[in-house]
Protein backbone atom coordinates (compact mmCIF):
# COMPACT_ATOMS: atom_id res chain seq x y z
CA MET A 1 -19.51 -3.31 -0.99
CA THR A 2 -18.81 -4.46 2.55
CA ALA A 3 -16.41 -2.94 5.02
CA ASP A 4 -14.12 -5.94 4.52
CA ASP A 5 -13.99 -5.19 0.76
CA SER A 6 -13.07 -1.56 1.47
CA PHE A 7 -10.30 -2.47 3.91
CA GLY A 8 -8.86 -4.95 1.41
CA ARG A 9 -8.40 -2.11 -1.07
CA LEU A 10 -6.14 -0.20 1.30
CA ASP A 11 -3.26 -2.43 0.22
CA ASP A 12 -4.12 -2.20 -3.49
CA ASP A 13 -1.60 0.05 -5.27
CA ASP A 14 -4.03 0.47 -8.16
CA PHE A 15 -7.08 1.53 -6.15
CA PRO A 16 -7.89 5.18 -6.95
CA ALA A 17 -8.07 6.38 -3.36
CA TYR A 18 -6.76 9.94 -3.64
CA THR A 19 -8.55 13.03 -4.86
CA MET A 20 -6.64 15.48 -7.00
CA GLY A 21 -6.31 17.90 -4.10
CA ARG A 22 -4.99 15.24 -1.74
CA ALA A 23 -2.63 13.85 -4.39
CA ALA A 24 -1.19 17.31 -5.06
CA GLU A 25 -0.78 17.90 -1.33
CA LEU A 26 1.01 14.57 -0.81
CA LEU A 27 3.36 15.29 -3.72
CA GLY A 28 3.95 18.90 -2.74
CA THR A 29 2.87 20.08 -6.17
CA THR A 30 -0.09 21.78 -7.79
CA GLN A 31 -3.23 20.35 -9.27
CA GLY A 32 -2.12 21.95 -12.54
CA PHE A 33 1.00 19.77 -12.52
CA LEU A 34 -1.17 16.66 -12.18
CA ARG A 35 -3.37 17.87 -15.04
CA ALA A 36 -0.26 18.51 -17.17
CA ILE A 37 1.18 15.02 -16.74
CA GLY A 38 -2.29 13.68 -17.49
CA ASP A 39 -2.40 15.80 -20.66
CA HIS A 40 0.93 14.23 -21.66
CA ARG A 41 -0.63 10.80 -21.01
CA LEU A 42 1.88 9.84 -18.36
CA ILE A 43 -0.95 8.88 -16.03
CA THR A 44 -4.67 8.64 -16.60
CA PRO A 45 -6.59 9.09 -13.37
CA LEU A 46 -9.85 7.30 -12.93
CA ARG A 47 -12.96 9.42 -12.55
CA SER A 48 -15.44 9.31 -9.70
CA ALA A 49 -19.17 9.11 -10.41
CA GLY A 50 -19.16 12.92 -10.26
CA GLY A 51 -16.30 13.19 -12.78
CA HIS A 52 -13.56 14.06 -10.30
CA ARG A 53 -10.05 12.72 -10.86
CA ARG A 54 -8.93 9.96 -8.51
CA TYR A 55 -5.34 8.73 -8.22
CA SER A 56 -3.82 5.46 -7.04
CA ARG A 57 -0.61 5.04 -5.05
CA TYR A 58 1.05 3.65 -8.18
CA GLN A 59 0.10 6.79 -10.09
CA LEU A 60 1.38 8.96 -7.26
CA ARG A 61 4.77 7.24 -7.47
CA ILE A 62 4.91 8.00 -11.21
CA ALA A 63 3.87 11.61 -10.58
CA ALA A 64 6.55 11.92 -7.89
CA ARG A 65 9.19 10.75 -10.38
CA ALA A 66 7.93 13.31 -12.90
CA ARG A 67 8.10 16.03 -10.30
CA GLU A 68 11.66 15.00 -9.41
CA LEU A 69 12.75 15.35 -13.05
CA VAL A 70 10.92 18.66 -13.52
CA ASP A 71 12.44 20.01 -10.32
CA GLN A 72 15.87 19.17 -11.80
CA GLY A 73 15.05 21.36 -14.80
CA THR A 74 13.73 18.79 -17.26
CA PRO A 75 10.82 20.06 -19.37
CA ILE A 76 7.59 18.29 -18.47
CA GLU A 77 7.23 16.73 -21.94
CA ALA A 78 10.72 15.27 -21.70
CA ALA A 79 10.18 14.11 -18.12
CA CYS A 80 7.07 12.20 -19.18
CA ARG A 81 8.94 10.56 -22.06
CA ILE A 82 11.88 9.64 -19.82
CA ILE A 83 9.55 7.93 -17.36
CA VAL A 84 7.83 5.96 -20.14
CA LEU A 85 11.24 4.84 -21.42
CA GLU A 86 12.39 3.90 -17.91
CA ASP A 87 9.25 1.80 -17.51
CA GLN A 88 9.80 0.09 -20.87
CA LEU A 89 13.42 -0.68 -19.97
CA GLU A 90 12.40 -2.16 -16.62
CA GLU A 91 9.82 -4.38 -18.33
CA ALA A 92 12.33 -5.51 -20.96
CA GLN A 93 14.86 -6.38 -18.25
CA ARG A 94 12.22 -8.34 -16.34
CA LEU A 95 11.28 -10.31 -19.48
CA ASN A 96 14.94 -10.99 -20.29
CA ALA A 97 15.51 -12.35 -16.79
CA GLU A 98 12.47 -14.62 -17.16
CA HIS A 99 13.75 -15.92 -20.51
CA ARG A 100 17.21 -16.55 -19.05
CA ARG A 101 15.71 -18.49 -16.15
CA ALA A 102 13.53 -20.54 -18.50
CA ALA A 103 16.46 -21.26 -20.84
CA SER A 104 18.99 -22.20 -18.17
CA PRO A 105 19.60 -25.91 -17.69
CA HIS A 106 18.07 -27.32 -14.54
CA PRO A 107 20.32 -29.37 -12.23
CA ALA A 108 19.80 -33.15 -12.38
CA GLY A 109 17.14 -34.46 -10.07
CA VAL A 110 15.16 -31.24 -9.98
């Protein structure tokens, strides 16, 4: 891998750039919290060659949403399910919008 390849990954939301310790620090939570949401299959961190968990920015955003719900008193199991349902709803709305655009009549001459 060249330096140019590495720098290109800095903008990649899916690149697992954060260690568990750093992820927990950024989120203001514990490593145990990250393990718990992993146990509930909300996020699945990638593993380094040494077996250490590595998190992407996308995964950190999901974990931050889980923490927000838990901080509001939602049990962690329920928080994980809520986030999955929110994600499914967002995807369904995106697909519906695509279908509406595809089905709408195009103006003449376009």
